Amino acid sequence: MSNNNKSVLSGMLSESVTVRSVRNQTVIKSRRQPRVSLEGVDRSRQALARARFNAAAQYAKAQISIPESRALYMTGLTAQKRTAYLVAMTDFLHSPETNFTNIRGYRGRIGDAIVINAVDDFKVTKVDVEILDAAGAIIEEGAAVNNPGKPGEWTYAATVVNSNLSGTKLRAIAYDHAGNTGEAEVVL
């Protein structure tokens, strides 16, 4: 096409090829494939995801309306999360990850240490520990302490003698600011 010709070329050559003029140049390209049909998709899962996202948005809106909470979420700003609203929203959507990093120190004696790693996309607020016998009865439970200078590391010191370690279950439950939990279990 010459630059003096003002006619516009546009149309389909087939079901999958289009032709059009862009800046005085002819562009031939394949048409985009239609999005995947939602037929057969579990609509209840979609509805749950949408409801969870809406709940996260409501949570974030409520949190940034509280000056102390807004200030707390402002501490979590990153290049991707540029507002307190986004930090609060992602905090609501993500649960803490929890695992045991050292259980060798637990031998059933008072003062034995159990070390837990608990991390969250924003902040872990507390970690609770339960020690259960082989039958599932609680031997003891309590709060772990966040180790200063070691981000994500929490320690629980046993307060009850456990003379039968075989089958003993250790459970750690981490909580974040939004109230989500992450849990880890190990059987001795």
C-alpha atoms as a PDB file:
ATOM      1  CA  MET A   1       0.000   0.000   0.000  1.00  0.00           C
ATOM      2  CA  SER A   2       1.297   3.455  -0.758  1.00  0.00           C
ATOM      3  CA  ASN A   3       1.352   6.164   1.876  1.00  0.00           C
ATOM      4  CA  ASN A   4      -1.002   8.297  -0.282  1.00  0.00           C
ATOM      5  CA  ASN A   5      -3.690   5.663  -0.291  1.00  0.00           C
ATOM      6  CA  LYS A   6      -6.026   6.297   2.643  1.00  0.00           C
ATOM      7  CA  SER A   7      -8.054   3.102   2.249  1.00  0.00           C
ATOM      8  CA  VAL A   8      -8.206   0.800   5.247  1.00  0.00           C
ATOM      9  CA  LEU A   9      -7.801  -2.900   4.884  1.00  0.00           C
ATOM     10  CA  SER A  10      -9.610  -5.014   7.456  1.00  0.00           C
ATOM     11  CA  GLY A  11     -11.259  -8.420   7.587  1.00  0.00           C
ATOM     12  CA  MET A  12     -10.965 -12.132   8.097  1.00  0.00           C
ATOM     13  CA  LEU A  13      -9.222 -14.477   5.704  1.00  0.00           C
ATOM     14  CA  SER A  14     -10.493 -17.511   7.580  1.00  0.00           C
ATOM     15  CA  GLU A  15     -11.934 -18.351  10.993  1.00  0.00           C
ATOM     16  CA  SER A  16      -8.499 -17.982  12.548  1.00  0.00           C
ATOM     17  CA  VAL A  17      -6.689 -15.318  10.475  1.00  0.00           C
ATOM     18  CA  THR A  18      -7.426 -11.575  10.427  1.00  0.00           C
ATOM     19  CA  VAL A  19      -6.085  -8.795   8.236  1.00  0.00           C
ATOM     20  CA  ARG A  20      -6.048  -5.117   9.138  1.00  0.00           C
ATOM     21  CA  SER A  21      -4.124  -1.911   8.581  1.00  0.00           C
ATOM     22  CA  VAL A  22      -2.137  -0.443  11.420  1.00  0.00           C
ATOM     23  CA  ARG A  23      -0.116   2.749  10.881  1.00  0.00           C
ATOM     24  CA  ASN A  24      -0.204   2.308   7.121  1.00  0.00           C
ATOM     25  CA  GLN A  25       1.029  -1.271   7.366  1.00  0.00           C
ATOM     26  CA  THR A  26      -0.880  -4.463   6.675  1.00  0.00           C
ATOM     27  CA  VAL A  27      -0.960  -6.817   9.649  1.00  0.00           C
ATOM     28  CA  ILE A  28      -1.943 -10.443   9.232  1.00  0.00           C
ATOM     29  CA  LYS A  29      -2.336 -12.409  12.406  1.00  0.00           C
ATOM     30  CA  SER A  30      -3.951 -15.398  13.967  1.00  0.00           C
ATOM     31  CA  ARG A  31      -7.032 -14.711  15.995  1.00  0.00           C
ATOM     32  CA  ARG A  32      -6.789 -15.367  19.672  1.00  0.00           C
ATOM     33  CA  GLN A  33      -8.279 -18.594  20.778  1.00  0.00           C
ATOM     34  CA  PRO A  34     -11.392 -18.127  22.853  1.00  0.00           C
ATOM     35  CA  ARG A  35     -10.967 -18.458  26.581  1.00  0.00           C
ATOM     36  CA  VAL A  36     -11.483 -21.874  28.044  1.00  0.00           C
ATOM     37  CA  SER A  37     -15.139 -22.601  28.503  1.00  0.00           C
ATOM     38  CA  LEU A  38     -16.331 -22.631  32.083  1.00  0.00           C
ATOM     39  CA  GLU A  39     -18.713 -25.435  31.222  1.00  0.00           C
ATOM     40  CA  GLY A  40     -18.087 -28.300  33.581  1.00  0.00           C
ATOM     41  CA  VAL A  41     -16.141 -26.148  36.069  1.00  0.00           C
ATOM     42  CA  ASP A  42     -17.251 -26.665  39.627  1.00  0.00           C
ATOM     43  CA  ARG A  43     -19.246 -23.474  40.183  1.00  0.00           C
ATOM     44  CA  SER A  44     -19.239 -23.999  43.952  1.00  0.00           C
ATOM     45  CA  ARG A  45     -15.427 -23.709  43.977  1.00  0.00           C
ATOM     46  CA  GLN A  46     -15.704 -20.506  41.961  1.00  0.00           C
ATOM     47  CA  ALA A  47     -18.308 -19.151  44.349  1.00  0.00           C
ATOM     48  CA  LEU A  48     -16.148 -20.046  47.351  1.00  0.00           C
ATOM     49  CA  ALA A  49     -13.105 -18.351  45.818  1.00  0.00           C
ATOM     50  CA  ARG A  50     -15.142 -15.243  45.018  1.00  0.00           C
ATOM     51  CA  ALA A  51     -16.615 -15.185  48.545  1.00  0.00           C
ATOM     52  CA  ARG A  52     -13.143 -15.571  50.077  1.00  0.00           C
ATOM     53  CA  PHE A  53     -11.781 -12.729  47.939  1.00  0.00           C
ATOM     54  CA  ASN A  54     -14.735 -10.510  48.924  1.00  0.00           C
ATOM     55  CA  ALA A  55     -14.176 -11.362  52.601  1.00  0.00           C
ATOM     56  CA  ALA A  56     -10.491 -10.417  52.200  1.00  0.00           C
ATOM     57  CA  ALA A  57     -11.485  -7.076  50.674  1.00  0.00           C
ATOM     58  CA  GLN A  58     -13.914  -6.393  53.532  1.00  0.00           C
ATOM     59  CA  TYR A  59     -11.271  -7.360  56.088  1.00  0.00           C
ATOM     60  CA  ALA A  60      -8.691  -5.057  54.479  1.00  0.00           C
ATOM     61  CA  LYS A  61     -11.144  -2.159  54.322  1.00  0.00           C
ATOM     62  CA  ALA A  62     -12.011  -2.604  58.005  1.00  0.00           C
ATOM     63  CA  GLN A  63      -8.346  -2.885  59.030  1.00  0.00           C
ATOM     64  CA  ILE A  64      -7.215   0.284  57.277  1.00  0.00           C
ATOM     65  CA  SER A  65     -10.073   2.197  58.915  1.00  0.00           C
ATOM     66  CA  ILE A  66      -8.482   1.480  62.328  1.00  0.00           C
ATOM     67  CA  PRO A  67      -5.440   3.783  62.745  1.00  0.00           C
ATOM     68  CA  GLU A  68      -3.375   1.293  64.819  1.00  0.00           C
ATOM     69  CA  SER A  69      -4.090  -1.571  62.422  1.00  0.00           C
ATOM     70  CA  ARG A  70      -3.396   0.609  59.376  1.00  0.00           C
ATOM     71  CA  ALA A  71      -0.037   1.611  60.905  1.00  0.00           C
ATOM     72  CA  LEU A  72       0.769  -2.058  61.565  1.00  0.00           C
ATOM     73  CA  TYR A  73      -0.028  -3.070  57.978  1.00  0.00           C
ATOM     74  CA  MET A  74       2.000  -0.113  56.671  1.00  0.00           C
ATOM     75  CA  THR A  75       5.076  -1.877  58.087  1.00  0.00           C
ATOM     76  CA  GLY A  76       4.553  -4.667  55.537  1.00  0.00           C
ATOM     77  CA  LEU A  77       4.774  -2.537  52.385  1.00  0.00           C
ATOM     78  CA  THR A  78       6.856  -4.017  49.553  1.00  0.00           C
ATOM     79  CA  ALA A  79       7.400  -3.320  45.868  1.00  0.00           C
ATOM     80  CA  GLN A  80       4.429  -5.582  45.082  1.00  0.00           C
ATOM     81  CA  LYS A  81       2.247  -4.555  48.035  1.00  0.00           C
ATOM     82  CA  ARG A  82       2.301  -0.766  47.881  1.00  0.00           C
ATOM     83  CA  THR A  83      -0.610  -0.028  50.207  1.00  0.00           C
ATOM     84  CA  ALA A  84      -1.702  -1.093  53.670  1.00  0.00           C
ATOM     85  CA  TYR A  85      -4.924  -2.300  52.028  1.00  0.00           C
ATOM     86  CA  LEU A  86      -3.030  -4.805  49.835  1.00  0.00           C
ATOM     87  CA  VAL A  87      -0.895  -6.004  52.753  1.00  0.00           C
ATOM     88  CA  ALA A  88      -4.025  -6.588  54.844  1.00  0.00           C
ATOM     89  CA  MET A  89      -5.816  -8.316  51.989  1.00  0.00           C
ATOM     90  CA  THR A  90      -2.967 -10.742  51.282  1.00  0.00           C
ATOM     91  CA  ASP A  91      -2.563 -11.349  55.021  1.00  0.00           C
ATOM     92  CA  PHE A  92      -6.200 -12.470  55.093  1.00  0.00           C
ATOM     93  CA  LEU A  93      -5.689 -14.749  52.072  1.00  0.00           C
ATOM     94  CA  HIS A  94      -2.477 -16.484  53.268  1.00  0.00           C
ATOM     95  CA  SER A  95      -2.098 -18.737  56.294  1.00  0.00           C
ATOM     96  CA  PRO A  96       1.161 -19.144  58.215  1.00  0.00           C
ATOM     97  CA  GLU A  97       3.495 -22.019  57.321  1.00  0.00           C
ATOM     98  CA  THR A  98       4.597 -24.058  60.306  1.00  0.00           C
ATOM     99  CA  ASN A  99       7.086 -26.879  60.863  1.00  0.00           C
ATOM    100  CA  PHE A 100       9.225 -28.328  63.608  1.00  0.00           C
ATOM    101  CA  THR A 101      12.906 -27.510  63.279  1.00  0.00           C
ATOM    102  CA  ASN A 102      14.179 -29.249  66.422  1.00  0.00           C
ATOM    103  CA  ILE A 103      12.357 -31.892  68.436  1.00  0.00           C
ATOM    104  CA  ARG A 104      15.490 -33.786  69.516  1.00  0.00           C
ATOM    105  CA  GLY A 105      15.623 -31.667  72.665  1.00  0.00           C
ATOM    106  CA  TYR A 106      12.270 -33.020  73.850  1.00  0.00           C
ATOM    107  CA  ARG A 107      12.748 -36.141  76.009  1.00  0.00           C
ATOM    108  CA  GLY A 108       9.645 -35.809  78.178  1.00  0.00           C
ATOM    109  CA  ARG A 109      11.304 -33.758  80.914  1.00  0.00           C
ATOM    110  CA  ILE A 110      10.270 -30.403  82.315  1.00  0.00           C
ATOM    111  CA  GLY A 111      12.148 -27.632  80.505  1.00  0.00           C
ATOM    112  CA  ASP A 112      12.872 -29.703  77.353  1.00  0.00           C
ATOM    113  CA  ALA A 113      12.813 -27.424  74.298  1.00  0.00           C
ATOM    114  CA  ILE A 114      10.756 -27.852  71.135  1.00  0.00           C
ATOM    115  CA  VAL A 115      11.736 -25.448  68.335  1.00  0.00           C
ATOM    116  CA  ILE A 116       9.202 -24.433  65.705  1.00  0.00           C
ATOM    117  CA  ASN A 117       9.592 -22.412  62.500  1.00  0.00           C
ATOM    118  CA  ALA A 118       6.473 -20.348  61.783  1.00  0.00           C
ATOM    119  CA  VAL A 119       6.403 -17.771  58.991  1.00  0.00           C
ATOM    120  CA  ASP A 120       3.684 -15.760  57.307  1.00  0.00           C
ATOM    121  CA  ASP A 121       3.473 -13.350  54.388  1.00  0.00           C
ATOM    122  CA  PHE A 122       2.954 -10.597  56.975  1.00  0.00           C
ATOM    123  CA  LYS A 123       3.384 -11.563  60.625  1.00  0.00           C
ATOM    124  CA  VAL A 124       2.936 -14.538  62.958  1.00  0.00           C
ATOM    125  CA  THR A 125       1.340 -13.267  66.157  1.00  0.00           C
ATOM    126  CA  LYS A 126       1.578 -16.405  68.298  1.00  0.00           C
ATOM    127  CA  VAL A 127       2.391 -20.107  68.242  1.00  0.00           C
ATOM    128  CA  ASP A 128       0.636 -22.595  70.510  1.00  0.00           C
ATOM    129  CA  VAL A 129       2.012 -26.068  71.194  1.00  0.00           C
ATOM    130  CA  GLU A 130       0.137 -29.188  72.249  1.00  0.00           C
ATOM    131  CA  ILE A 131       1.721 -32.423  73.447  1.00  0.00           C
ATOM    132  CA  LEU A 132      -0.616 -35.420  73.239  1.00  0.00           C
ATOM    133  CA  ASP A 133      -0.165 -39.027  74.327  1.00  0.00           C
ATOM    134  CA  ALA A 134      -0.511 -41.998  71.950  1.00  0.00           C
ATOM    135  CA  ALA A 135      -4.273 -42.143  72.629  1.00  0.00           C
ATOM    136  CA  GLY A 136      -4.707 -38.450  71.721  1.00  0.00           C
ATOM    137  CA  ALA A 137      -5.198 -37.093  75.243  1.00  0.00           C
ATOM    138  CA  ILE A 138      -3.549 -33.736  75.918  1.00  0.00           C
ATOM    139  CA  ILE A 139      -0.531 -34.044  78.192  1.00  0.00           C
ATOM    140  CA  GLU A 140       0.145 -30.309  78.125  1.00  0.00           C
ATOM    141  CA  GLU A 141      -0.362 -27.218  76.010  1.00  0.00           C
ATOM    142  CA  GLY A 142       0.895 -23.662  76.006  1.00  0.00           C
ATOM    143  CA  ALA A 143       2.385 -20.764  74.090  1.00  0.00           C
ATOM    144  CA  ALA A 144       5.790 -20.863  72.442  1.00  0.00           C
ATOM    145  CA  VAL A 145       8.094 -17.859  72.739  1.00  0.00           C
ATOM    146  CA  ASN A 146       9.396 -15.959  69.712  1.00  0.00           C
ATOM    147  CA  ASN A 147      13.202 -16.170  69.763  1.00  0.00           C
ATOM    148  CA  PRO A 148      14.704 -12.664  69.615  1.00  0.00           C
ATOM    149  CA  GLY A 149      16.961 -12.093  66.640  1.00  0.00           C
ATOM    150  CA  LYS A 150      15.766 -15.266  64.878  1.00  0.00           C
ATOM    151  CA  PRO A 151      12.839 -14.392  62.606  1.00  0.00           C
ATOM    152  CA  GLY A 152      10.262 -17.147  62.430  1.00  0.00           C
ATOM    153  CA  GLU A 153      11.813 -19.231  65.221  1.00  0.00           C
ATOM    154  CA  TRP A 154       9.677 -20.054  68.259  1.00  0.00           C
ATOM    155  CA  THR A 155      10.552 -22.235  71.275  1.00  0.00           C
ATOM    156  CA  TYR A 156       8.269 -24.106  73.652  1.00  0.00           C
ATOM    157  CA  ALA A 157       9.625 -25.378  76.976  1.00  0.00           C
ATOM    158  CA  ALA A 158       7.852 -28.460  78.352  1.00  0.00           C
ATOM    159  CA  THR A 159       6.092 -28.031  81.703  1.00  0.00           C
ATOM    160  CA  VAL A 160       4.944 -31.606  82.400  1.00  0.00           C
ATOM    161  CA  VAL A 161       6.832 -34.897  82.693  1.00  0.00           C
ATOM    162  CA  ASN A 162       5.975 -37.350  79.892  1.00  0.00           C
ATOM    163  CA  SER A 163       7.382 -40.756  80.822  1.00  0.00           C
ATOM    164  CA  ASN A 164       6.109 -42.554  77.707  1.00  0.00           C
ATOM    165  CA  LEU A 165       7.412 -40.880  74.535  1.00  0.00           C
ATOM    166  CA  SER A 166       6.372 -43.685  72.184  1.00  0.00           C
ATOM    167  CA  GLY A 167       3.471 -42.419  70.062  1.00  0.00           C
ATOM    168  CA  THR A 168       3.580 -38.938  71.606  1.00  0.00           C
ATOM    169  CA  LYS A 169       2.268 -36.333  69.159  1.00  0.00           C
ATOM    170  CA  LEU A 170       3.600 -32.774  69.032  1.00  0.00           C
ATOM    171  CA  ARG A 171       1.337 -30.196  67.424  1.00  0.00           C
ATOM    172  CA  ALA A 172       2.200 -26.547  66.704  1.00  0.00           C
ATOM    173  CA  ILE A 173      -0.425 -24.025  65.614  1.00  0.00           C
ATOM    174  CA  ALA A 174       0.710 -20.628  64.306  1.00  0.00           C
ATOM    175  CA  TYR A 175      -1.650 -17.640  64.063  1.00  0.00           C
ATOM    176  CA  ASP A 176      -1.336 -14.531  61.929  1.00  0.00           C
ATOM    177  CA  HIS A 177      -2.801 -11.049  62.456  1.00  0.00           C
ATOM    178  CA  ALA A 178      -5.831 -11.889  60.270  1.00  0.00           C
ATOM    179  CA  GLY A 179      -6.647 -14.940  62.413  1.00  0.00           C
ATOM    180  CA  ASN A 180      -5.467 -17.589  59.940  1.00  0.00           C
ATOM    181  CA  THR A 181      -3.731 -20.663  61.303  1.00  0.00           C
ATOM    182  CA  GLY A 182      -1.019 -22.985  60.059  1.00  0.00           C
ATOM    183  CA  GLU A 183      -0.449 -26.311  61.757  1.00  0.00           C
ATOM    184  CA  ALA A 184       2.310 -28.908  61.950  1.00  0.00           C
ATOM    185  CA  GLU A 185       2.300 -32.310  63.647  1.00  0.00           C
ATOM    186  CA  VAL A 186       4.911 -34.924  64.331  1.00  0.00           C
ATOM    187  CA  VAL A 187       4.655 -38.282  66.093  1.00  0.00           C
ATOM    188  CA  LEU A 188       7.631 -39.415  68.191  1.00  0.00           C
END
